[in-house]
PDB file of N, CA and C in Angstrom:
ATOM      1  N   UNK A   1      54.465 -67.505  42.690  1.00  0.00           N
ATOM      2  CA  UNK A   1      53.513 -66.073  42.239  1.00  0.00           C
ATOM      3  C   UNK A   1      54.052 -65.192  43.085  1.00  0.00           C
ATOM      4  N   UNK A   2      54.200 -63.559  42.843  1.00  0.00           N
ATOM      5  CA  UNK A   2      54.244 -62.464  43.809  1.00  0.00           C
ATOM      6  C   UNK A   2      52.937 -62.489  44.102  1.00  0.00           C
ATOM      7  N   UNK A   3      52.666 -61.666  44.715  1.00  0.00           N
ATOM      8  CA  UNK A   3      51.308 -60.733  45.180  1.00  0.00           C
ATOM      9  C   UNK A   3      51.762 -59.567  44.353  1.00  0.00           C
ATOM     10  N   UNK A   4      50.126 -59.394  43.525  1.00  0.00           N
ATOM     11  CA  UNK A   4      50.825 -58.191  43.115  1.00  0.00           C
ATOM     12  C   UNK A   4      49.749 -56.570  44.070  1.00  0.00           C
ATOM     13  N   UNK A   5      49.488 -57.167  45.122  1.00  0.00           N
ATOM     14  CA  UNK A   5      47.962 -56.255  45.576  1.00  0.00           C
ATOM     15  C   UNK A   5      48.480 -55.940  47.256  1.00  0.00           C
ATOM     16  N   UNK A   6      48.213 -54.627  46.935  1.00  0.00           N
ATOM     17  CA  UNK A   6      49.083 -53.926  48.329  1.00  0.00           C
ATOM     18  C   UNK A   6      47.671 -53.174  49.100  1.00  0.00           C
ATOM     19  N   UNK A   7      46.964 -53.357  50.373  1.00  0.00           N
ATOM     20  CA  UNK A   7      46.293 -52.621  50.885  1.00  0.00           C
ATOM     21  C   UNK A   7      47.016 -51.241  52.065  1.00  0.00           C
ATOM     22  N   UNK A   8      46.545 -50.741  51.945  1.00  0.00           N
ATOM     23  CA  UNK A   8      47.368 -49.338  52.829  1.00  0.00           C
ATOM     24  C   UNK A   8      46.466 -47.868  52.511  1.00  0.00           C
ATOM     25  N   UNK A   9      46.983 -46.983  53.914  1.00  0.00           N
ATOM     26  CA  UNK A   9      45.911 -46.367  54.811  1.00  0.00           C
ATOM     27  C   UNK A   9      45.789 -44.761  53.764  1.00  0.00           C
ATOM     28  N   UNK A  10      46.330 -44.800  53.193  1.00  0.00           N
ATOM     29  CA  UNK A  10      46.671 -43.622  51.750  1.00  0.00           C
ATOM     30  C   UNK A  10      47.111 -44.004  50.700  1.00  0.00           C
ATOM     31  N   UNK A  11      46.738 -43.232  49.583  1.00  0.00           N
ATOM     32  CA  UNK A  11      47.101 -42.884  48.637  1.00  0.00           C
ATOM     33  C   UNK A  11      48.841 -42.905  48.234  1.00  0.00           C
ATOM     34  N   UNK A  12      49.586 -43.611  47.829  1.00  0.00           N
ATOM     35  CA  UNK A  12      50.901 -43.360  47.977  1.00  0.00           C
ATOM     36  C   UNK A  12      51.221 -44.107  46.418  1.00  0.00           C
ATOM     37  N   UNK A  13      52.708 -43.136  45.740  1.00  0.00           N
ATOM     38  CA  UNK A  13      53.404 -43.760  44.984  1.00  0.00           C
ATOM     39  C   UNK A  13      54.541 -43.426  45.884  1.00  0.00           C
ATOM     40  N   UNK A  14      55.270 -44.551  45.632  1.00  0.00           N
ATOM     41  CA  UNK A  14      56.686 -44.070  45.791  1.00  0.00           C
ATOM     42  C   UNK A  14      57.623 -45.288  44.281  1.00  0.00           C
ATOM     43  N   UNK A  15      59.160 -44.293  44.415  1.00  0.00           N
ATOM     44  CA  UNK A  15      59.736 -45.475  43.363  1.00  0.00           C
ATOM     45  C   UNK A  15      60.477 -46.375  44.303  1.00  0.00           C
ATOM     46  N   UNK A  16      59.982 -47.068  44.576  1.00  0.00           N
ATOM     47  CA  UNK A  16      60.789 -48.805  44.919  1.00  0.00           C
ATOM     48  C   UNK A  16      59.874 -49.439  44.908  1.00  0.00           C
ATOM     49  N   UNK A  17      58.116 -48.711  44.966  1.00  0.00           N
ATOM     50  CA  UNK A  17      57.274 -49.874  43.955  1.00  0.00           C
ATOM     51  C   UNK A  17      57.448 -49.454  42.588  1.00  0.00           C
ATOM     52  N   UNK A  18      57.783 -48.628  41.898  1.00  0.00           N
ATOM     53  CA  UNK A  18      58.145 -49.015  40.564  1.00  0.00           C
ATOM     54  C   UNK A  18      58.502 -49.928  39.534  1.00  0.00           C
ATOM     55  N   UNK A  19      58.117 -50.615  38.974  1.00  0.00           N
ATOM     56  CA  UNK A  19      58.201 -51.981  37.917  1.00  0.00           C
ATOM     57  C   UNK A  19      57.564 -52.997  38.451  1.00  0.00           C
ATOM     58  N   UNK A  20      57.429 -53.005  39.690  1.00  0.00           N
ATOM     59  CA  UNK A  20      56.251 -54.419  40.354  1.00  0.00           C
ATOM     60  C   UNK A  20      55.403 -54.532  39.933  1.00  0.00           C
ATOM     61  N   UNK A  21      54.300 -53.726  39.300  1.00  0.00           N
ATOM     62  CA  UNK A  21      53.258 -53.952  38.830  1.00  0.00           C
ATOM     63  C   UNK A  21      51.926 -54.416  40.086  1.00  0.00           C
ATOM     64  N   UNK A  22      51.734 -52.791  40.870  1.00  0.00           N
ATOM     65  CA  UNK A  22      51.052 -53.614  42.003  1.00  0.00           C
ATOM     66  C   UNK A  22      49.792 -52.639  41.862  1.00  0.00           C
ATOM     67  N   UNK A  23      48.812 -53.483  42.184  1.00  0.00           N
ATOM     68  CA  UNK A  23      47.765 -52.716  42.544  1.00  0.00           C
ATOM     69  C   UNK A  23      47.438 -52.753  44.063  1.00  0.00           C
ATOM     70  N   UNK A  24      46.557 -50.926  44.295  1.00  0.00           N
ATOM     71  CA  UNK A  24      46.766 -50.003  45.857  1.00  0.00           C
ATOM     72  C   UNK A  24      45.702 -50.549  46.012  1.00  0.00           C
ATOM     73  N   UNK A  25      45.234 -50.460  46.887  1.00  0.00           N
ATOM     74  CA  UNK A  25      44.148 -50.591  47.619  1.00  0.00           C
ATOM     75  C   UNK A  25      43.737 -49.532  49.054  1.00  0.00           C
ATOM     76  N   UNK A  26      42.737 -48.381  48.792  1.00  0.00           N
ATOM     77  CA  UNK A  26      42.836 -47.853  50.751  1.00  0.00           C
ATOM     78  C   UNK A  26      41.538 -48.059  50.490  1.00  0.00           C
ATOM     79  N   UNK A  27      41.490 -47.436  51.850  1.00  0.00           N
ATOM     80  CA  UNK A  27      40.250 -46.431  52.431  1.00  0.00           C
ATOM     81  C   UNK A  27      40.792 -45.244  53.223  1.00  0.00           C
ATOM     82  N   UNK A  28      40.040 -44.260  52.808  1.00  0.00           N
ATOM     83  CA  UNK A  28      39.999 -42.530  53.609  1.00  0.00           C
ATOM     84  C   UNK A  28      39.168 -42.842  55.076  1.00  0.00           C
ATOM     85  N   UNK A  29      39.561 -42.286  55.547  1.00  0.00           N
ATOM     86  CA  UNK A  29      38.745 -41.922  56.264  1.00  0.00           C
ATOM     87  C   UNK A  29      37.520 -41.710  56.769  1.00  0.00           C
ATOM     88  N   UNK A  30      37.346 -41.192  55.678  1.00  0.00           N
ATOM     89  CA  UNK A  30      35.480 -41.622  55.059  1.00  0.00           C
ATOM     90  C   UNK A  30      35.101 -42.609  54.499  1.00  0.00           C
ATOM     91  N   UNK A  31      35.509 -43.734  54.758  1.00  0.00           N
ATOM     92  CA  UNK A  31      35.610 -44.925  54.531  1.00  0.00           C
ATOM     93  C   UNK A  31      35.087 -45.471  52.628  1.00  0.00           C
ATOM     94  N   UNK A  32      35.717 -44.376  52.232  1.00  0.00           N
ATOM     95  CA  UNK A  32      35.661 -44.385  50.504  1.00  0.00           C
ATOM     96  C   UNK A  32      36.744 -45.651  50.400  1.00  0.00           C
ATOM     97  N   UNK A  33      36.594 -46.283  49.034  1.00  0.00           N
ATOM     98  CA  UNK A  33      37.929 -47.867  49.118  1.00  0.00           C
ATOM     99  C   UNK A  33      37.913 -47.122  47.794  1.00  0.00           C
ATOM    100  N   UNK A  34      39.234 -47.020  47.655  1.00  0.00           N
ATOM    101  CA  UNK A  34      39.522 -47.227  45.884  1.00  0.00           C
ATOM    102  C   UNK A  34      40.733 -47.869  45.484  1.00  0.00           C
ATOM    103  N   UNK A  35      40.887 -48.366  44.591  1.00  0.00           N
ATOM    104  CA  UNK A  35      42.138 -49.002  44.136  1.00  0.00           C
ATOM    105  C   UNK A  35      42.739 -47.943  42.639  1.00  0.00           C
ATOM    106  N   UNK A  36      44.113 -48.675  41.944  1.00  0.00           N
ATOM    107  CA  UNK A  36      44.619 -48.122  41.499  1.00  0.00           C
ATOM    108  C   UNK A  36      45.869 -48.401  40.794  1.00  0.00           C
ATOM    109  N   UNK A  37      46.181 -49.125  39.902  1.00  0.00           N
ATOM    110  CA  UNK A  37      47.368 -49.301  39.515  1.00  0.00           C
ATOM    111  C   UNK A  37      48.460 -48.158  39.908  1.00  0.00           C
ATOM    112  N   UNK A  38      49.590 -48.757  40.244  1.00  0.00           N
ATOM    113  CA  UNK A  38      50.703 -47.899  40.763  1.00  0.00           C
ATOM    114  C   UNK A  38      51.874 -47.265  39.494  1.00  0.00           C
ATOM    115  N   UNK A  39      52.099 -48.694  38.804  1.00  0.00           N
ATOM    116  CA  UNK A  39      53.057 -48.123  37.425  1.00  0.00           C
ATOM    117  C   UNK A  39      51.989 -47.299  36.476  1.00  0.00           C
ATOM    118  N   UNK A  40      50.740 -48.151  36.120  1.00  0.00           N
ATOM    119  CA  UNK A  40      50.239 -46.621  35.526  1.00  0.00           C
ATOM    120  C   UNK A  40      50.109 -45.172  36.391  1.00  0.00           C
ATOM    121  N   UNK A  41      49.253 -45.043  37.258  1.00  0.00           N
ATOM    122  CA  UNK A  41      49.748 -43.753  37.248  1.00  0.00           C
ATOM    123  C   UNK A  41      51.253 -42.962  37.434  1.00  0.00           C
ATOM    124  N   UNK A  42      51.933 -43.964  37.928  1.00  0.00           N
ATOM    125  CA  UNK A  42      53.148 -43.137  37.819  1.00  0.00           C
ATOM    126  C   UNK A  42      54.090 -42.900  36.707  1.00  0.00           C
ATOM    127  N   UNK A  43      53.742 -44.091  35.634  1.00  0.00           N
ATOM    128  CA  UNK A  43      54.287 -43.589  33.965  1.00  0.00           C
ATOM    129  C   UNK A  43      53.608 -42.571  33.832  1.00  0.00           C
ATOM    130  N   UNK A  44      52.049 -42.429  33.658  1.00  0.00           N
ATOM    131  CA  UNK A  44      51.401 -41.289  33.104  1.00  0.00           C
ATOM    132  C   UNK A  44      51.411 -40.393  33.830  1.00  0.00           C
ATOM    133  N   UNK A  45      52.032 -39.782  35.300  1.00  0.00           N
ATOM    134  CA  UNK A  45      52.416 -38.769  35.280  1.00  0.00           C
ATOM    135  C   UNK A  45      54.151 -38.545  36.238  1.00  0.00           C
ATOM    136  N   UNK A  46      54.735 -39.741  35.571  1.00  0.00           N
ATOM    137  CA  UNK A  46      56.155 -39.321  35.870  1.00  0.00           C
ATOM    138  C   UNK A  46      56.359 -38.299  36.373  1.00  0.00           C
ATOM    139  N   UNK A  47      56.852 -37.011  34.926  1.00  0.00           N
ATOM    140  CA  UNK A  47      57.152 -35.703  34.504  1.00  0.00           C
ATOM    141  C   UNK A  47      56.900 -35.614  36.830  1.00  0.00           C
ATOM    142  N   UNK A  48      55.421 -35.120  36.376  1.00  0.00           N
ATOM    143  CA  UNK A  48      54.647 -33.843  37.209  1.00  0.00           C
ATOM    144  C   UNK A  48      55.151 -34.581  39.079  1.00  0.00           C
ATOM    145  N   UNK A  49      55.639 -35.608  39.338  1.00  0.00           N
ATOM    146  CA  UNK A  49      55.267 -36.885  40.088  1.00  0.00           C
ATOM    147  C   UNK A  49      57.046 -36.318  40.720  1.00  0.00           C
ATOM    148  N   UNK A  50      57.971 -36.454  39.537  1.00  0.00           N
ATOM    149  CA  UNK A  50      58.886 -36.191  39.845  1.00  0.00           C
ATOM    150  C   UNK A  50      59.805 -35.072  40.178  1.00  0.00           C
ATOM    151  N   UNK A  51      59.661 -34.182  40.162  1.00  0.00           N
ATOM    152  CA  UNK A  51      58.932 -32.598  39.654  1.00  0.00           C
ATOM    153  C   UNK A  51      58.897 -31.933  41.559  1.00  0.00           C
ATOM    154  N   UNK A  52      58.096 -33.061  42.015  1.00  0.00           N
ATOM    155  CA  UNK A  52      57.216 -32.192  43.260  1.00  0.00           C
ATOM    156  C   UNK A  52      58.719 -32.694  44.024  1.00  0.00           C
ATOM    157  N   UNK A  53      59.281 -31.553  45.316  1.00  0.00           N
ATOM    158  CA  UNK A  53      59.308 -31.454  46.263  1.00  0.00           C
ATOM    159  C   UNK A  53      59.672 -32.756  46.735  1.00  0.00           C
ATOM    160  N   UNK A  54      57.982 -33.514  47.463  1.00  0.00           N
ATOM    161  CA  UNK A  54      58.179 -34.366  47.819  1.00  0.00           C
ATOM    162  C   UNK A  54      59.462 -35.635  47.302  1.00  0.00           C
ATOM    163  N   UNK A  55      58.826 -36.066  46.616  1.00  0.00           N
ATOM    164  CA  UNK A  55      59.130 -37.033  46.108  1.00  0.00           C
ATOM    165  C   UNK A  55      60.812 -36.955  45.511  1.00  0.00           C
ATOM    166  N   UNK A  56      61.081 -35.832  45.240  1.00  0.00           N
ATOM    167  CA  UNK A  56      62.617 -35.661  45.268  1.00  0.00           C
ATOM    168  C   UNK A  56      63.584 -36.190  46.532  1.00  0.00           C
ATOM    169  N   UNK A  57      63.045 -35.485  47.979  1.00  0.00           N
ATOM    170  CA  UNK A  57      63.196 -36.014  49.203  1.00  0.00           C
ATOM    171  C   UNK A  57      63.012 -36.830  50.241  1.00  0.00           C
ATOM    172  N   UNK A  58      61.429 -37.445  49.496  1.00  0.00           N
ATOM    173  CA  UNK A  58      61.553 -38.614  50.131  1.00  0.00           C
ATOM    174  C   UNK A  58      60.813 -39.778  49.691  1.00  0.00           C
ATOM    175  N   UNK A  59      60.991 -40.153  47.891  1.00  0.00           N
ATOM    176  CA  UNK A  59      60.884 -41.135  47.249  1.00  0.00           C
ATOM    177  C   UNK A  59      59.184 -41.292  47.331  1.00  0.00           C
ATOM    178  N   UNK A  60      59.114 -40.181  47.472  1.00  0.00           N
ATOM    179  CA  UNK A  60      57.231 -40.476  47.481  1.00  0.00           C
ATOM    180  C   UNK A  60      56.254 -39.013  47.572  1.00  0.00           C
ATOM    181  N   UNK A  61      55.521 -39.826  47.153  1.00  0.00           N
ATOM    182  CA  UNK A  61      53.969 -38.955  47.494  1.00  0.00           C
ATOM    183  C   UNK A  61      52.453 -39.330  47.708  1.00  0.00           C
ATOM    184  N   UNK A  62      52.590 -38.840  48.888  1.00  0.00           N
ATOM    185  CA  UNK A  62      51.324 -39.754  49.845  1.00  0.00           C
ATOM    186  C   UNK A  62      50.211 -38.748  49.670  1.00  0.00           C
ATOM    187  N   UNK A  63      49.030 -39.174  49.668  1.00  0.00           N
ATOM    188  CA  UNK A  63      47.612 -38.324  50.344  1.00  0.00           C
ATOM    189  C   UNK A  63      46.712 -39.010  51.176  1.00  0.00           C
ATOM    190  N   UNK A  64      46.448 -39.192  52.292  1.00  0.00           N
ATOM    191  CA  UNK A  64      45.883 -39.617  53.465  1.00  0.00           C
ATOM    192  C   UNK A  64      44.088 -39.367  52.998  1.00  0.00           C
ATOM    193  N   UNK A  65      44.068 -38.851  51.804  1.00  0.00           N
ATOM    194  CA  UNK A  65      42.099 -38.413  52.253  1.00  0.00           C
ATOM    195  C   UNK A  65      41.423 -38.648  50.598  1.00  0.00           C
ATOM    196  N   UNK A  66      42.418 -38.991  50.210  1.00  0.00           N
ATOM    197  CA  UNK A  66      41.729 -38.998  48.339  1.00  0.00           C
ATOM    198  C   UNK A  66      42.776 -39.840  47.771  1.00  0.00           C
ATOM    199  N   UNK A  67      42.497 -40.075  46.550  1.00  0.00           N
ATOM    200  CA  UNK A  67      42.962 -39.796  44.690  1.00  0.00           C
ATOM    201  C   UNK A  67      43.486 -37.995  44.538  1.00  0.00           C
ATOM    202  N   UNK A  68      44.441 -38.255  44.051  1.00  0.00           N
ATOM    203  CA  UNK A  68      44.524 -36.765  43.441  1.00  0.00           C
ATOM    204  C   UNK A  68      43.634 -36.743  42.351  1.00  0.00           C
ATOM    205  N   UNK A  69      43.261 -35.411  42.640  1.00  0.00           N
ATOM    206  CA  UNK A  69      42.700 -35.024  41.264  1.00  0.00           C
ATOM    207  C   UNK A  69      42.970 -35.291  40.359  1.00  0.00           C
ATOM    208  N   UNK A  70      44.566 -35.077  39.233  1.00  0.00           N
ATOM    209  CA  UNK A  70      44.728 -35.028  38.289  1.00  0.00           C
ATOM    210  C   UNK A  70      44.879 -36.690  38.130  1.00  0.00           C
ATOM    211  N   UNK A  71      44.440 -38.008  39.126  1.00  0.00           N
ATOM    212  CA  UNK A  71      44.648 -39.294  38.703  1.00  0.00           C
ATOM    213  C   UNK A  71      43.424 -39.712  38.984  1.00  0.00           C
ATOM    214  N   UNK A  72      42.021 -39.633  39.230  1.00  0.00           N
ATOM    215  CA  UNK A  72      41.339 -40.030  39.287  1.00  0.00           C
ATOM    216  C   UNK A  72      40.199 -40.602  38.352  1.00  0.00           C
ATOM    217  N   UNK A  73      40.740 -40.095  37.541  1.00  0.00           N
ATOM    218  CA  UNK A  73      39.889 -40.906  35.363  1.00  0.00           C
ATOM    219  C   UNK A  73      40.875 -42.075  36.056  1.00  0.00           C
ATOM    220  N   UNK A  74      41.999 -42.843  36.583  1.00  0.00           N
ATOM    221  CA  UNK A  74      42.692 -44.257  36.567  1.00  0.00           C
ATOM    222  C   UNK A  74      42.524 -44.713  37.718  1.00  0.00           C
ATOM    223  N   UNK A  75      41.741 -44.129  38.555  1.00  0.00           N
ATOM    224  CA  UNK A  75      41.195 -45.057  39.493  1.00  0.00           C
ATOM    225  C   UNK A  75      40.493 -45.360  39.900  1.00  0.00           C
ATOM    226  N   UNK A  76      39.812 -45.896  40.834  1.00  0.00           N
ATOM    227  CA  UNK A  76      37.750 -46.876  40.947  1.00  0.00           C
ATOM    228  C   UNK A  76      37.733 -46.248  42.622  1.00  0.00           C
ATOM    229  N   UNK A  77      36.985 -46.098  42.534  1.00  0.00           N
ATOM    230  CA  UNK A  77      36.481 -45.995  43.988  1.00  0.00           C
ATOM    231  C   UNK A  77      35.043 -48.097  44.111  1.00  0.00           C
ATOM    232  N   UNK A  78      35.934 -48.264  45.201  1.00  0.00           N
ATOM    233  CA  UNK A  78      34.728 -49.816  45.260  1.00  0.00           C
ATOM    234  C   UNK A  78      33.803 -49.929  45.914  1.00  0.00           C
ATOM    235  N   UNK A  79      33.613 -48.909  46.822  1.00  0.00           N
ATOM    236  CA  UNK A  79      32.994 -49.375  47.585  1.00  0.00           C
ATOM    237  C   UNK A  79      32.920 -47.958  48.873  1.00  0.00           C
ATOM    238  N   UNK A  80      32.111 -47.808  49.290  1.00  0.00           N
ATOM    239  CA  UNK A  80      31.976 -46.395  50.730  1.00  0.00           C
ATOM    240  C   UNK A  80      31.839 -47.268  51.857  1.00  0.00           C
ATOM    241  N   UNK A  81      32.205 -47.234  52.675  1.00  0.00           N
ATOM    242  CA  UNK A  81      31.539 -48.152  54.102  1.00  0.00           C
ATOM    243  C   UNK A  81      31.645 -47.030  55.337  1.00  0.00           C
ATOM    244  N   UNK A  82      30.226 -47.895  55.929  1.00  0.00           N
ATOM    245  CA  UNK A  82      29.177 -46.678  56.312  1.00  0.00           C
ATOM    246  C   UNK A  82      29.102 -46.997  57.790  1.00  0.00           C
ATOM    247  N   UNK A  83      29.878 -46.417  58.638  1.00  0.00           N
ATOM    248  CA  UNK A  83      30.077 -46.727  59.988  1.00  0.00           C
ATOM    249  C   UNK A  83      29.333 -45.670  60.983  1.00  0.00           C
ATOM    250  N   UNK A  84      28.332 -46.820  61.880  1.00  0.00           N
ATOM    251  CA  UNK A  84      27.289 -46.595  62.262  1.00  0.00           C
ATOM    252  C   UNK A  84      28.066 -45.768  64.016  1.00  0.00           C
TER     253      UNK A  84
END
């Protein structure tokens, strides 16, 4: 059985992950942990991603701070890590 979970340091949508049913979890610099279904977000906003210059050139879209506003209803905040 293939592992369908990926842990990263940023929100990412990549052409190479399309159709692989990946669940991505990332923790941003402020300690918020997010999770989302890569294919669900890509499919829902495919036209938007395909029209972005970064997606056309690099075949990916990333954001290291948070889940983009247009994707937030398709993601979940798991927890907030408090660092002392």
